[in-house]
Amino acid sequence: MNDKRFLTRSEFECMQNLWALPTKGGFVRDIQEGFEAPKPAYTTTATFMKILVRKGFCKVARVGSMQYYTPKITKEEYCQRVMEKAGEDYFDGDIVRFVDFLLKHNDVSMEQKEAIVAMLK
């Protein structure tokens, strides 16, 4: 998926770490702390953050000599974008087929199924 509206795995991991910060923004070191070992190099994380700015997923402000990043899109907004694309690409926009697939191919408890039915009422 070479579409600027979507993230690579590494870009998504950077955004996950940015979204998880309590201040909803941070420096490269803050974002880097969210990675499990082995953590990527500082320069690698900084490069991904520059790419995310260029793709429009976050913005950057200079604080002294450092770059402070904040998201321009919420995790929920991005998830909606991904799910809509999956629905279009794999199910021709048929939400019933999409939900049927999810229910059949995921471990969904009876309690979760009942909750889904209740949402639809």
PDB file of N, CA and C in Angstrom:
ATOM      1  N   MET A   1       0.858  -1.177   0.000  1.00  0.00           N
ATOM      2  CA  MET A   1       0.000   0.000   0.000  1.00  0.00           C
ATOM      3  C   MET A   1       0.904   1.240   0.000  1.00  0.00           C
ATOM      4  N   ASN A   2       1.139   1.780  -1.161  1.00  0.00           N
ATOM      5  CA  ASN A   2       2.012   2.940  -1.272  1.00  0.00           C
ATOM      6  C   ASN A   2       1.178   4.214  -1.350  1.00  0.00           C
ATOM      7  N   ASP A   3       0.195   4.303  -0.520  1.00  0.00           N
ATOM      8  CA  ASP A   3      -0.744   5.408  -0.477  1.00  0.00           C
ATOM      9  C   ASP A   3      -0.397   6.282   0.724  1.00  0.00           C
ATOM     10  N   LYS A   4      -0.215   7.568   0.512  1.00  0.00           N
ATOM     11  CA  LYS A   4       0.187   8.463   1.605  1.00  0.00           C
ATOM     12  C   LYS A   4      -0.877   8.593   2.691  1.00  0.00           C
ATOM     13  N   ARG A   5      -2.082   8.066   2.433  1.00  0.00           N
ATOM     14  CA  ARG A   5      -3.131   8.115   3.453  1.00  0.00           C
ATOM     15  C   ARG A   5      -2.990   6.990   4.467  1.00  0.00           C
ATOM     16  N   PHE A   6      -2.040   6.062   4.193  1.00  0.00           N
ATOM     17  CA  PHE A   6      -1.866   4.902   5.052  1.00  0.00           C
ATOM     18  C   PHE A   6      -0.430   4.806   5.541  1.00  0.00           C
ATOM     19  N   LEU A   7      -0.252   4.097   6.637  1.00  0.00           N
ATOM     20  CA  LEU A   7       1.040   4.009   7.303  1.00  0.00           C
ATOM     21  C   LEU A   7       1.699   2.652   7.079  1.00  0.00           C
ATOM     22  N   THR A   8       3.018   2.663   7.009  1.00  0.00           N
ATOM     23  CA  THR A   8       3.766   1.409   7.039  1.00  0.00           C
ATOM     24  C   THR A   8       3.735   0.913   8.479  1.00  0.00           C
ATOM     25  N   ARG A   9       4.196  -0.315   8.701  1.00  0.00           N
ATOM     26  CA  ARG A   9       4.211  -0.870  10.056  1.00  0.00           C
ATOM     27  C   ARG A   9       5.054   0.008  10.994  1.00  0.00           C
ATOM     28  N   SER A  10       6.227   0.424  10.547  1.00  0.00           N
ATOM     29  CA  SER A  10       7.104   1.235  11.397  1.00  0.00           C
ATOM     30  C   SER A  10       6.507   2.612  11.675  1.00  0.00           C
ATOM     31  N   GLU A  11       5.888   3.199  10.662  1.00  0.00           N
ATOM     32  CA  GLU A  11       5.228   4.491  10.862  1.00  0.00           C
ATOM     33  C   GLU A  11       4.074   4.350  11.851  1.00  0.00           C
ATOM     34  N   PHE A  12       3.313   3.255  11.715  1.00  0.00           N
ATOM     35  CA  PHE A  12       2.191   3.025  12.622  1.00  0.00           C
ATOM     36  C   PHE A  12       2.692   2.858  14.058  1.00  0.00           C
ATOM     37  N   GLU A  13       3.792   2.160  14.245  1.00  0.00           N
ATOM     38  CA  GLU A  13       4.342   1.983  15.591  1.00  0.00           C
ATOM     39  C   GLU A  13       4.748   3.337  16.183  1.00  0.00           C
ATOM     40  N   CYS A  14       5.319   4.202  15.379  1.00  0.00           N
ATOM     41  CA  CYS A  14       5.666   5.553  15.863  1.00  0.00           C
ATOM     42  C   CYS A  14       4.401   6.313  16.258  1.00  0.00           C
ATOM     43  N   MET A  15       3.374   6.224  15.418  1.00  0.00           N
ATOM     44  CA  MET A  15       2.120   6.911  15.738  1.00  0.00           C
ATOM     45  C   MET A  15       1.477   6.313  16.981  1.00  0.00           C
ATOM     46  N   GLN A  16       1.537   4.985  17.132  1.00  0.00           N
ATOM     47  CA  GLN A  16       0.997   4.347  18.341  1.00  0.00           C
ATOM     48  C   GLN A  16       1.660   4.945  19.580  1.00  0.00           C
ATOM     49  N   ASN A  17       2.972   5.090  19.527  1.00  0.00           N
ATOM     50  CA  ASN A  17       3.712   5.643  20.658  1.00  0.00           C
ATOM     51  C   ASN A  17       3.360   7.107  20.886  1.00  0.00           C
ATOM     52  N   LEU A  18       3.175   7.853  19.817  1.00  0.00           N
ATOM     53  CA  LEU A  18       2.792   9.263  19.937  1.00  0.00           C
ATOM     54  C   LEU A  18       1.390   9.379  20.529  1.00  0.00           C
ATOM     55  N   TRP A  19       0.445   8.595  20.029  1.00  0.00           N
ATOM     56  CA  TRP A  19      -0.928   8.616  20.550  1.00  0.00           C
ATOM     57  C   TRP A  19      -0.974   8.218  22.016  1.00  0.00           C
ATOM     58  N   ALA A  20      -0.057   7.357  22.440  1.00  0.00           N
ATOM     59  CA  ALA A  20      -0.071   6.843  23.811  1.00  0.00           C
ATOM     60  C   ALA A  20       0.516   7.822  24.831  1.00  0.00           C
ATOM     61  N   LEU A  21       1.204   8.839  24.364  1.00  0.00           N
ATOM     62  CA  LEU A  21       1.811   9.790  25.304  1.00  0.00           C
ATOM     63  C   LEU A  21       0.718  10.559  26.049  1.00  0.00           C
ATOM     64  N   PRO A  22       0.874  10.725  27.350  1.00  0.00           N
ATOM     65  CA  PRO A  22      -0.169  11.400  28.146  1.00  0.00           C
ATOM     66  C   PRO A  22      -0.418  12.838  27.702  1.00  0.00           C
ATOM     67  N   THR A  23       0.586  13.492  27.153  1.00  0.00           N
ATOM     68  CA  THR A  23       0.430  14.883  26.719  1.00  0.00           C
ATOM     69  C   THR A  23      -0.038  14.976  25.277  1.00  0.00           C
ATOM     70  N   LYS A  24      -0.206  13.803  24.611  1.00  0.00           N
ATOM     71  CA  LYS A  24      -0.597  13.727  23.199  1.00  0.00           C
ATOM     72  C   LYS A  24       0.396  14.442  22.305  1.00  0.00           C
ATOM     73  N   GLY A  25       1.630  14.477  22.728  1.00  0.00           N
ATOM     74  CA  GLY A  25       2.708  15.046  21.945  1.00  0.00           C
ATOM     75  C   GLY A  25       4.013  14.726  22.628  1.00  0.00           C
ATOM     76  N   GLY A  26       5.109  14.822  21.869  1.00  0.00           N
ATOM     77  CA  GLY A  26       6.383  14.553  22.507  1.00  0.00           C
ATOM     78  C   GLY A  26       7.557  14.694  21.567  1.00  0.00           C
ATOM     79  N   PHE A  27       8.722  14.509  22.138  1.00  0.00           N
ATOM     80  CA  PHE A  27       9.978  14.565  21.409  1.00  0.00           C
ATOM     81  C   PHE A  27      10.319  13.161  20.913  1.00  0.00           C
ATOM     82  N   VAL A  28      11.308  13.060  20.050  1.00  0.00           N
ATOM     83  CA  VAL A  28      11.705  11.757  19.510  1.00  0.00           C
ATOM     84  C   VAL A  28      12.018  10.783  20.635  1.00  0.00           C
ATOM     85  N   ARG A  29      12.710  11.231  21.671  1.00  0.00           N
ATOM     86  CA  ARG A  29      13.056  10.345  22.801  1.00  0.00           C
ATOM     87  C   ARG A  29      11.790   9.811  23.481  1.00  0.00           C
ATOM     88  N   ASP A  30      10.761  10.650  23.609  1.00  0.00           N
ATOM     89  CA  ASP A  30       9.500  10.209  24.214  1.00  0.00           C
ATOM     90  C   ASP A  30       8.851   9.118  23.362  1.00  0.00           C
ATOM     91  N   ILE A  31       8.870   9.326  22.064  1.00  0.00           N
ATOM     92  CA  ILE A  31       8.271   8.374  21.129  1.00  0.00           C
ATOM     93  C   ILE A  31       9.075   7.077  21.143  1.00  0.00           C
ATOM     94  N   GLN A  32      10.374   7.206  21.198  1.00  0.00           N
ATOM     95  CA  GLN A  32      11.269   6.056  21.202  1.00  0.00           C
ATOM     96  C   GLN A  32      11.083   5.176  22.442  1.00  0.00           C
ATOM     97  N   GLU A  33      10.747   5.784  23.558  1.00  0.00           N
ATOM     98  CA  GLU A  33      10.552   5.030  24.804  1.00  0.00           C
ATOM     99  C   GLU A  33       9.413   4.021  24.693  1.00  0.00           C
ATOM    100  N   GLY A  34       8.465   4.266  23.806  1.00  0.00           N
ATOM    101  CA  GLY A  34       7.332   3.367  23.649  1.00  0.00           C
ATOM    102  C   GLY A  34       7.658   2.059  22.949  1.00  0.00           C
ATOM    103  N   PHE A  35       8.801   1.971  22.304  1.00  0.00           N
ATOM    104  CA  PHE A  35       9.188   0.750  21.603  1.00  0.00           C
ATOM    105  C   PHE A  35       9.709  -0.288  22.579  1.00  0.00           C
ATOM    106  N   GLU A  36       9.456  -1.545  22.256  1.00  0.00           N
ATOM    107  CA  GLU A  36      10.031  -2.640  23.025  1.00  0.00           C
ATOM    108  C   GLU A  36      11.459  -2.854  22.531  1.00  0.00           C
ATOM    109  N   ALA A  37      12.265  -3.484  23.357  1.00  0.00           N
ATOM    110  CA  ALA A  37      13.648  -3.779  22.982  1.00  0.00           C
ATOM    111  C   ALA A  37      13.649  -4.843  21.881  1.00  0.00           C
ATOM    112  N   PRO A  38      14.531  -4.749  20.951  1.00  0.00           N
ATOM    113  CA  PRO A  38      15.512  -3.687  20.773  1.00  0.00           C
ATOM    114  C   PRO A  38      14.863  -2.455  20.138  1.00  0.00           C
ATOM    115  N   LYS A  39      15.076  -1.324  20.753  1.00  0.00           N
ATOM    116  CA  LYS A  39      14.491  -0.074  20.266  1.00  0.00           C
ATOM    117  C   LYS A  39      15.236   0.371  19.005  1.00  0.00           C
ATOM    118  N   PRO A  40      14.523   1.002  18.080  1.00  0.00           N
ATOM    119  CA  PRO A  40      15.219   1.524  16.901  1.00  0.00           C
ATOM    120  C   PRO A  40      16.147   2.672  17.311  1.00  0.00           C
ATOM    121  N   ALA A  41      17.117   2.935  16.487  1.00  0.00           N
ATOM    122  CA  ALA A  41      18.048   4.030  16.753  1.00  0.00           C
ATOM    123  C   ALA A  41      17.291   5.355  16.784  1.00  0.00           C
ATOM    124  N   TYR A  42      17.817   6.301  17.524  1.00  0.00           N
ATOM    125  CA  TYR A  42      17.227   7.639  17.616  1.00  0.00           C
ATOM    126  C   TYR A  42      17.038   8.216  16.215  1.00  0.00           C
ATOM    127  N   THR A  43      18.073   8.090  15.372  1.00  0.00           N
ATOM    128  CA  THR A  43      18.007   8.677  14.024  1.00  0.00           C
ATOM    129  C   THR A  43      16.932   8.002  13.176  1.00  0.00           C
ATOM    130  N   THR A  44      16.725   6.710  13.387  1.00  0.00           N
ATOM    131  CA  THR A  44      15.676   5.990  12.655  1.00  0.00           C
ATOM    132  C   THR A  44      14.304   6.519  13.055  1.00  0.00           C
ATOM    133  N   THR A  45      14.085   6.665  14.356  1.00  0.00           N
ATOM    134  CA  THR A  45      12.809   7.203  14.836  1.00  0.00           C
ATOM    135  C   THR A  45      12.603   8.622  14.328  1.00  0.00           C
ATOM    136  N   ALA A  46      13.659   9.435  14.370  1.00  0.00           N
ATOM    137  CA  ALA A  46      13.568  10.821  13.882  1.00  0.00           C
ATOM    138  C   ALA A  46      13.207  10.851  12.397  1.00  0.00           C
ATOM    139  N   THR A  47      13.774   9.941  11.632  1.00  0.00           N
ATOM    140  CA  THR A  47      13.466   9.873  10.199  1.00  0.00           C
ATOM    141  C   THR A  47      12.001   9.520   9.980  1.00  0.00           C
ATOM    142  N   PHE A  48      11.499   8.527  10.724  1.00  0.00           N
ATOM    143  CA  PHE A  48      10.083   8.164  10.593  1.00  0.00           C
ATOM    144  C   PHE A  48       9.182   9.325  10.978  1.00  0.00           C
ATOM    145  N   MET A  49       9.559  10.079  11.999  1.00  0.00           N
ATOM    146  CA  MET A  49       8.737  11.213  12.412  1.00  0.00           C
ATOM    147  C   MET A  49       8.704  12.282  11.320  1.00  0.00           C
ATOM    148  N   LYS A  50       9.814  12.496  10.641  1.00  0.00           N
ATOM    149  CA  LYS A  50       9.839  13.447   9.518  1.00  0.00           C
ATOM    150  C   LYS A  50       8.920  12.977   8.396  1.00  0.00           C
ATOM    151  N   ILE A  51       8.936  11.674   8.142  1.00  0.00           N
ATOM    152  CA  ILE A  51       8.052  11.114   7.115  1.00  0.00           C
ATOM    153  C   ILE A  51       6.586  11.315   7.509  1.00  0.00           C
ATOM    154  N   LEU A  52       6.276  11.104   8.783  1.00  0.00           N
ATOM    155  CA  LEU A  52       4.899  11.275   9.260  1.00  0.00           C
ATOM    156  C   LEU A  52       4.440  12.725   9.134  1.00  0.00           C
ATOM    157  N   VAL A  53       5.345  13.666   9.342  1.00  0.00           N
ATOM    158  CA  VAL A  53       5.013  15.081   9.142  1.00  0.00           C
ATOM    159  C   VAL A  53       4.724  15.323   7.656  1.00  0.00           C
ATOM    160  N   ARG A  54       5.595  14.800   6.791  1.00  0.00           N
ATOM    161  CA  ARG A  54       5.439  14.994   5.352  1.00  0.00           C
ATOM    162  C   ARG A  54       4.140  14.363   4.842  1.00  0.00           C
ATOM    163  N   LYS A  55       3.742  13.217   5.424  1.00  0.00           N
ATOM    164  CA  LYS A  55       2.510  12.545   5.019  1.00  0.00           C
ATOM    165  C   LYS A  55       1.264  13.184   5.641  1.00  0.00           C
ATOM    166  N   GLY A  56       1.464  14.116   6.576  1.00  0.00           N
ATOM    167  CA  GLY A  56       0.334  14.828   7.166  1.00  0.00           C
ATOM    168  C   GLY A  56      -0.284  14.166   8.386  1.00  0.00           C
ATOM    169  N   PHE A  57       0.396  13.202   8.986  1.00  0.00           N
ATOM    170  CA  PHE A  57      -0.139  12.523  10.162  1.00  0.00           C
ATOM    171  C   PHE A  57       0.182  13.250  11.466  1.00  0.00           C
ATOM    172  N   CYS A  58       1.223  14.043  11.460  1.00  0.00           N
ATOM    173  CA  CYS A  58       1.542  14.821  12.665  1.00  0.00           C
ATOM    174  C   CYS A  58       2.182  16.136  12.251  1.00  0.00           C
ATOM    175  N   LYS A  59       2.275  17.027  13.208  1.00  0.00           N
ATOM    176  CA  LYS A  59       2.922  18.310  12.954  1.00  0.00           C
ATOM    177  C   LYS A  59       4.079  18.447  13.927  1.00  0.00           C
ATOM    178  N   VAL A  60       4.977  19.350  13.601  1.00  0.00           N
ATOM    179  CA  VAL A  60       6.178  19.516  14.405  1.00  0.00           C
ATOM    180  C   VAL A  60       6.357  20.986  14.756  1.00  0.00           C
ATOM    181  N   ALA A  61       6.811  21.225  15.955  1.00  0.00           N
ATOM    182  CA  ALA A  61       7.130  22.580  16.412  1.00  0.00           C
ATOM    183  C   ALA A  61       8.515  22.538  17.037  1.00  0.00           C
ATOM    184  N   ARG A  62       9.254  23.576  16.826  1.00  0.00           N
ATOM    185  CA  ARG A  62      10.593  23.647  17.406  1.00  0.00           C
ATOM    186  C   ARG A  62      10.484  24.150  18.844  1.00  0.00           C
ATOM    187  N   VAL A  63      11.104  23.402  19.758  1.00  0.00           N
ATOM    188  CA  VAL A  63      11.180  23.795  21.164  1.00  0.00           C
ATOM    189  C   VAL A  63      12.670  23.831  21.491  1.00  0.00           C
ATOM    190  N   GLY A  64      13.212  25.032  21.521  1.00  0.00           N
ATOM    191  CA  GLY A  64      14.663  25.165  21.669  1.00  0.00           C
ATOM    192  C   GLY A  64      15.316  24.574  20.430  1.00  0.00           C
ATOM    193  N   SER A  65      16.192  23.616  20.624  1.00  0.00           N
ATOM    194  CA  SER A  65      16.854  22.981  19.478  1.00  0.00           C
ATOM    195  C   SER A  65      16.213  21.630  19.129  1.00  0.00           C
ATOM    196  N   MET A  66      15.100  21.319  19.779  1.00  0.00           N
ATOM    197  CA  MET A  66      14.470  20.013  19.576  1.00  0.00           C
ATOM    198  C   MET A  66      13.138  20.139  18.841  1.00  0.00           C
ATOM    199  N   GLN A  67      12.689  19.028  18.270  1.00  0.00           N
ATOM    200  CA  GLN A  67      11.433  18.966  17.543  1.00  0.00           C
ATOM    201  C   GLN A  67      10.368  18.314  18.435  1.00  0.00           C
ATOM    202  N   TYR A  68       9.214  18.976  18.556  1.00  0.00           N
ATOM    203  CA  TYR A  68       8.109  18.455  19.358  1.00  0.00           C
ATOM    204  C   TYR A  68       6.985  18.067  18.399  1.00  0.00           C
ATOM    205  N   TYR A  69       6.582  16.809  18.453  1.00  0.00           N
ATOM    206  CA  TYR A  69       5.594  16.262  17.525  1.00  0.00           C
ATOM    207  C   TYR A  69       4.231  16.095  18.187  1.00  0.00           C
ATOM    208  N   THR A  70       3.187  16.449  17.448  1.00  0.00           N
ATOM    209  CA  THR A  70       1.815  16.220  17.904  1.00  0.00           C
ATOM    210  C   THR A  70       1.016  15.616  16.747  1.00  0.00           C
ATOM    211  N   PRO A  71       0.102  14.709  17.047  1.00  0.00           N
ATOM    212  CA  PRO A  71      -0.677  14.076  15.971  1.00  0.00           C
ATOM    213  C   PRO A  71      -1.684  15.048  15.362  1.00  0.00           C
ATOM    214  N   LYS A  72      -1.894  14.918  14.057  1.00  0.00           N
ATOM    215  CA  LYS A  72      -2.927  15.689  13.362  1.00  0.00           C
ATOM    216  C   LYS A  72      -4.163  14.832  13.114  1.00  0.00           C
ATOM    217  N   ILE A  73      -4.058  13.545  13.421  1.00  0.00           N
ATOM    218  CA  ILE A  73      -5.154  12.611  13.219  1.00  0.00           C
ATOM    219  C   ILE A  73      -5.219  11.713  14.461  1.00  0.00           C
ATOM    220  N   THR A  74      -6.416  11.390  14.894  1.00  0.00           N
ATOM    221  CA  THR A  74      -6.549  10.515  16.055  1.00  0.00           C
ATOM    222  C   THR A  74      -6.403   9.057  15.604  1.00  0.00           C
ATOM    223  N   LYS A  75      -6.163   8.205  16.561  1.00  0.00           N
ATOM    224  CA  LYS A  75      -6.070   6.786  16.268  1.00  0.00           C
ATOM    225  C   LYS A  75      -7.405   6.281  15.717  1.00  0.00           C
ATOM    226  N   GLU A  76      -8.487   6.747  16.288  1.00  0.00           N
ATOM    227  CA  GLU A  76      -9.815   6.347  15.820  1.00  0.00           C
ATOM    228  C   GLU A  76     -10.038   6.759  14.362  1.00  0.00           C
ATOM    229  N   GLU A  77      -9.641   7.979  14.009  1.00  0.00           N
ATOM    230  CA  GLU A  77      -9.794   8.439  12.623  1.00  0.00           C
ATOM    231  C   GLU A  77      -8.978   7.570  11.665  1.00  0.00           C
ATOM    232  N   TYR A  78      -7.766   7.222  12.094  1.00  0.00           N
ATOM    233  CA  TYR A  78      -6.933   6.377  11.238  1.00  0.00           C
ATOM    234  C   TYR A  78      -7.529   4.980  11.110  1.00  0.00           C
ATOM    235  N   CYS A  79      -7.996   4.418  12.214  1.00  0.00           N
ATOM    236  CA  CYS A  79      -8.614   3.084  12.174  1.00  0.00           C
ATOM    237  C   CYS A  79      -9.830   3.084  11.252  1.00  0.00           C
ATOM    238  N   GLN A  80     -10.619   4.136  11.290  1.00  0.00           N
ATOM    239  CA  GLN A  80     -11.782   4.242  10.406  1.00  0.00           C
ATOM    240  C   GLN A  80     -11.331   4.227   8.949  1.00  0.00           C
ATOM    241  N   ARG A  81     -10.275   4.969   8.645  1.00  0.00           N
ATOM    242  CA  ARG A  81      -9.739   5.038   7.289  1.00  0.00           C
ATOM    243  C   ARG A  81      -9.300   3.640   6.817  1.00  0.00           C
ATOM    244  N   VAL A  82      -8.608   2.910   7.694  1.00  0.00           N
ATOM    245  CA  VAL A  82      -8.114   1.578   7.350  1.00  0.00           C
ATOM    246  C   VAL A  82      -9.275   0.606   7.152  1.00  0.00           C
ATOM    247  N   MET A  83     -10.260   0.657   8.042  1.00  0.00           N
ATOM    248  CA  MET A  83     -11.382  -0.271   7.940  1.00  0.00           C
ATOM    249  C   MET A  83     -12.219   0.015   6.693  1.00  0.00           C
ATOM    250  N   GLU A  84     -12.404   1.282   6.365  1.00  0.00           N
ATOM    251  CA  GLU A  84     -13.147   1.625   5.147  1.00  0.00           C
ATOM    252  C   GLU A  84     -12.422   1.094   3.916  1.00  0.00           C
ATOM    253  N   LYS A  85     -11.107   1.245   3.894  1.00  0.00           N
ATOM    254  CA  LYS A  85     -10.299   0.754   2.770  1.00  0.00           C
ATOM    255  C   LYS A  85     -10.393  -0.761   2.675  1.00  0.00           C
ATOM    256  N   ALA A  86     -10.299  -1.459   3.815  1.00  0.00           N
ATOM    257  CA  ALA A  86     -10.413  -2.924   3.816  1.00  0.00           C
ATOM    258  C   ALA A  86     -11.789  -3.352   3.314  1.00  0.00           C
ATOM    259  N   GLY A  87     -12.822  -2.666   3.775  1.00  0.00           N
ATOM    260  CA  GLY A  87     -14.174  -2.979   3.322  1.00  0.00           C
ATOM    261  C   GLY A  87     -14.334  -2.798   1.826  1.00  0.00           C
ATOM    262  N   GLU A  88     -13.765  -1.729   1.291  1.00  0.00           N
ATOM    263  CA  GLU A  88     -13.844  -1.469  -0.146  1.00  0.00           C
ATOM    264  C   GLU A  88     -13.026  -2.484  -0.940  1.00  0.00           C
ATOM    265  N   ASP A  89     -11.789  -2.720  -0.501  1.00  0.00           N
ATOM    266  CA  ASP A  89     -10.867  -3.573  -1.258  1.00  0.00           C
ATOM    267  C   ASP A  89     -11.236  -5.048  -1.226  1.00  0.00           C
ATOM    268  N   TYR A  90     -11.680  -5.537  -0.080  1.00  0.00           N
ATOM    269  CA  TYR A  90     -11.883  -6.971   0.078  1.00  0.00           C
ATOM    270  C   TYR A  90     -13.346  -7.414   0.050  1.00  0.00           C
ATOM    271  N   PHE A  91     -14.259  -6.480   0.286  1.00  0.00           N
ATOM    272  CA  PHE A  91     -15.674  -6.861   0.372  1.00  0.00           C
ATOM    273  C   PHE A  91     -16.556  -5.990  -0.508  1.00  0.00           C
ATOM    274  N   ASP A  92     -15.959  -5.269  -1.441  1.00  0.00           N
ATOM    275  CA  ASP A  92     -16.702  -4.405  -2.371  1.00  0.00           C
ATOM    276  C   ASP A  92     -17.659  -3.460  -1.656  1.00  0.00           C
ATOM    277  N   GLY A  93     -17.271  -3.016  -0.453  1.00  0.00           N
ATOM    278  CA  GLY A  93     -18.091  -2.079   0.303  1.00  0.00           C
ATOM    279  C   GLY A  93     -19.284  -2.716   0.995  1.00  0.00           C
ATOM    280  N   ASP A  94     -19.400  -4.046   0.943  1.00  0.00           N
ATOM    281  CA  ASP A  94     -20.531  -4.753   1.556  1.00  0.00           C
ATOM    282  C   ASP A  94     -20.234  -4.972   3.040  1.00  0.00           C
ATOM    283  N   ILE A  95     -20.806  -4.138   3.885  1.00  0.00           N
ATOM    284  CA  ILE A  95     -20.543  -4.184   5.324  1.00  0.00           C
ATOM    285  C   ILE A  95     -21.021  -5.494   5.944  1.00  0.00           C
ATOM    286  N   VAL A  96     -22.073  -6.079   5.402  1.00  0.00           N
ATOM    287  CA  VAL A  96     -22.582  -7.342   5.933  1.00  0.00           C
ATOM    288  C   VAL A  96     -21.543  -8.445   5.723  1.00  0.00           C
ATOM    289  N   ARG A  97     -20.969  -8.513   4.531  1.00  0.00           N
ATOM    290  CA  ARG A  97     -19.920  -9.511   4.265  1.00  0.00           C
ATOM    291  C   ARG A  97     -18.699  -9.254   5.131  1.00  0.00           C
ATOM    292  N   PHE A  98     -18.370  -7.991   5.343  1.00  0.00           N
ATOM    293  CA  PHE A  98     -17.212  -7.613   6.163  1.00  0.00           C
ATOM    294  C   PHE A  98     -17.416  -8.080   7.606  1.00  0.00           C
ATOM    295  N   VAL A  99     -18.567  -7.772   8.174  1.00  0.00           N
ATOM    296  CA  VAL A  99     -18.850  -8.175   9.561  1.00  0.00           C
ATOM    297  C   VAL A  99     -18.936  -9.691   9.661  1.00  0.00           C
ATOM    298  N   ASP A 100     -19.547 -10.329   8.676  1.00  0.00           N
ATOM    299  CA  ASP A 100     -19.631 -11.790   8.666  1.00  0.00           C
ATOM    300  C   ASP A 100     -18.224 -12.401   8.676  1.00  0.00           C
ATOM    301  N   PHE A 101     -17.342 -11.868   7.884  1.00  0.00           N
ATOM    302  CA  PHE A 101     -15.960 -12.349   7.846  1.00  0.00           C
ATOM    303  C   PHE A 101     -15.290 -12.187   9.208  1.00  0.00           C
ATOM    304  N   LEU A 102     -15.448 -11.007   9.811  1.00  0.00           N
ATOM    305  CA  LEU A 102     -14.834 -10.755  11.109  1.00  0.00           C
ATOM    306  C   LEU A 102     -15.352 -11.720  12.173  1.00  0.00           C
ATOM    307  N   LEU A 103     -16.649 -11.973  12.149  1.00  0.00           N
ATOM    308  CA  LEU A 103     -17.239 -12.881  13.135  1.00  0.00           C
ATOM    309  C   LEU A 103     -16.785 -14.323  12.936  1.00  0.00           C
ATOM    310  N   LYS A 104     -16.633 -14.727  11.676  1.00  0.00           N
ATOM    311  CA  LYS A 104     -16.239 -16.104  11.392  1.00  0.00           C
ATOM    312  C   LYS A 104     -14.751 -16.356  11.640  1.00  0.00           C
ATOM    313  N   HIS A 105     -13.943 -15.344  11.455  1.00  0.00           N
ATOM    314  CA  HIS A 105     -12.494 -15.541  11.494  1.00  0.00           C
ATOM    315  C   HIS A 105     -11.815 -14.961  12.726  1.00  0.00           C
ATOM    316  N   ASN A 106     -12.588 -14.627  13.708  1.00  0.00           N
ATOM    317  CA  ASN A 106     -12.039 -14.135  14.967  1.00  0.00           C
ATOM    318  C   ASN A 106     -12.715 -14.891  16.105  1.00  0.00           C
ATOM    319  N   ASP A 107     -12.033 -14.978  17.209  1.00  0.00           N
ATOM    320  CA  ASP A 107     -12.589 -15.667  18.372  1.00  0.00           C
ATOM    321  C   ASP A 107     -13.536 -14.699  19.081  1.00  0.00           C
ATOM    322  N   VAL A 108     -14.799 -14.735  18.680  1.00  0.00           N
ATOM    323  CA  VAL A 108     -15.805 -13.833  19.225  1.00  0.00           C
ATOM    324  C   VAL A 108     -16.674 -14.615  20.198  1.00  0.00           C
ATOM    325  N   SER A 109     -16.714 -14.151  21.424  1.00  0.00           N
ATOM    326  CA  SER A 109     -17.509 -14.845  22.443  1.00  0.00           C
ATOM    327  C   SER A 109     -18.998 -14.586  22.215  1.00  0.00           C
ATOM    328  N   MET A 110     -19.821 -15.425  22.839  1.00  0.00           N
ATOM    329  CA  MET A 110     -21.268 -15.255  22.745  1.00  0.00           C
ATOM    330  C   MET A 110     -21.665 -13.903  23.340  1.00  0.00           C
ATOM    331  N   GLU A 111     -20.989 -13.501  24.417  1.00  0.00           N
ATOM    332  CA  GLU A 111     -21.269 -12.210  25.047  1.00  0.00           C
ATOM    333  C   GLU A 111     -20.989 -11.059  24.070  1.00  0.00           C
ATOM    334  N   GLN A 112     -19.902 -11.155  23.318  1.00  0.00           N
ATOM    335  CA  GLN A 112     -19.568 -10.116  22.340  1.00  0.00           C
ATOM    336  C   GLN A 112     -20.587 -10.100  21.205  1.00  0.00           C
ATOM    337  N   LYS A 113     -21.010 -11.282  20.760  1.00  0.00           N
ATOM    338  CA  LYS A 113     -22.018 -11.348  19.699  1.00  0.00           C
ATOM    339  C   LYS A 113     -23.332 -10.718  20.160  1.00  0.00           C
ATOM    340  N   GLU A 114     -23.704 -10.991  21.411  1.00  0.00           N
ATOM    341  CA  GLU A 114     -24.937 -10.408  21.961  1.00  0.00           C
ATOM    342  C   GLU A 114     -24.807  -8.889  22.038  1.00  0.00           C
ATOM    343  N   ALA A 115     -23.634  -8.398  22.377  1.00  0.00           N
ATOM    344  CA  ALA A 115     -23.407  -6.947  22.446  1.00  0.00           C
ATOM    345  C   ALA A 115     -23.541  -6.329  21.056  1.00  0.00           C
ATOM    346  N   ILE A 116     -23.052  -7.028  20.054  1.00  0.00           N
ATOM    347  CA  ILE A 116     -23.170  -6.524  18.668  1.00  0.00           C
ATOM    348  C   ILE A 116     -24.631  -6.459  18.253  1.00  0.00           C
ATOM    349  N   VAL A 117     -25.384  -7.506  18.567  1.00  0.00           N
ATOM    350  CA  VAL A 117     -26.806  -7.522  18.233  1.00  0.00           C
ATOM    351  C   VAL A 117     -27.522  -6.380  18.955  1.00  0.00           C
ATOM    352  N   ALA A 118     -27.176  -6.158  20.224  1.00  0.00           N
ATOM    353  CA  ALA A 118     -27.807  -5.068  20.985  1.00  0.00           C
ATOM    354  C   ALA A 118     -27.492  -3.711  20.369  1.00  0.00           C
ATOM    355  N   MET A 119     -26.297  -3.535  19.846  1.00  0.00           N
ATOM    356  CA  MET A 119     -25.939  -2.267  19.199  1.00  0.00           C
ATOM    357  C   MET A 119     -26.788  -2.026  17.951  1.00  0.00           C
ATOM    358  N   LEU A 120     -27.153  -3.104  17.276  1.00  0.00           N
ATOM    359  CA  LEU A 120     -27.894  -2.980  16.033  1.00  0.00           C
ATOM    360  C   LEU A 120     -29.373  -2.698  16.248  1.00  0.00           C
ATOM    361  N   LYS A 121     -29.852  -2.895  17.468  1.00  0.00           N
ATOM    362  CA  LYS A 121     -31.283  -2.675  17.743  1.00  0.00           C
ATOM    363  C   LYS A 121     -31.572  -1.214  17.976  1.00  0.00           C
TER     364      LYS A 121
END
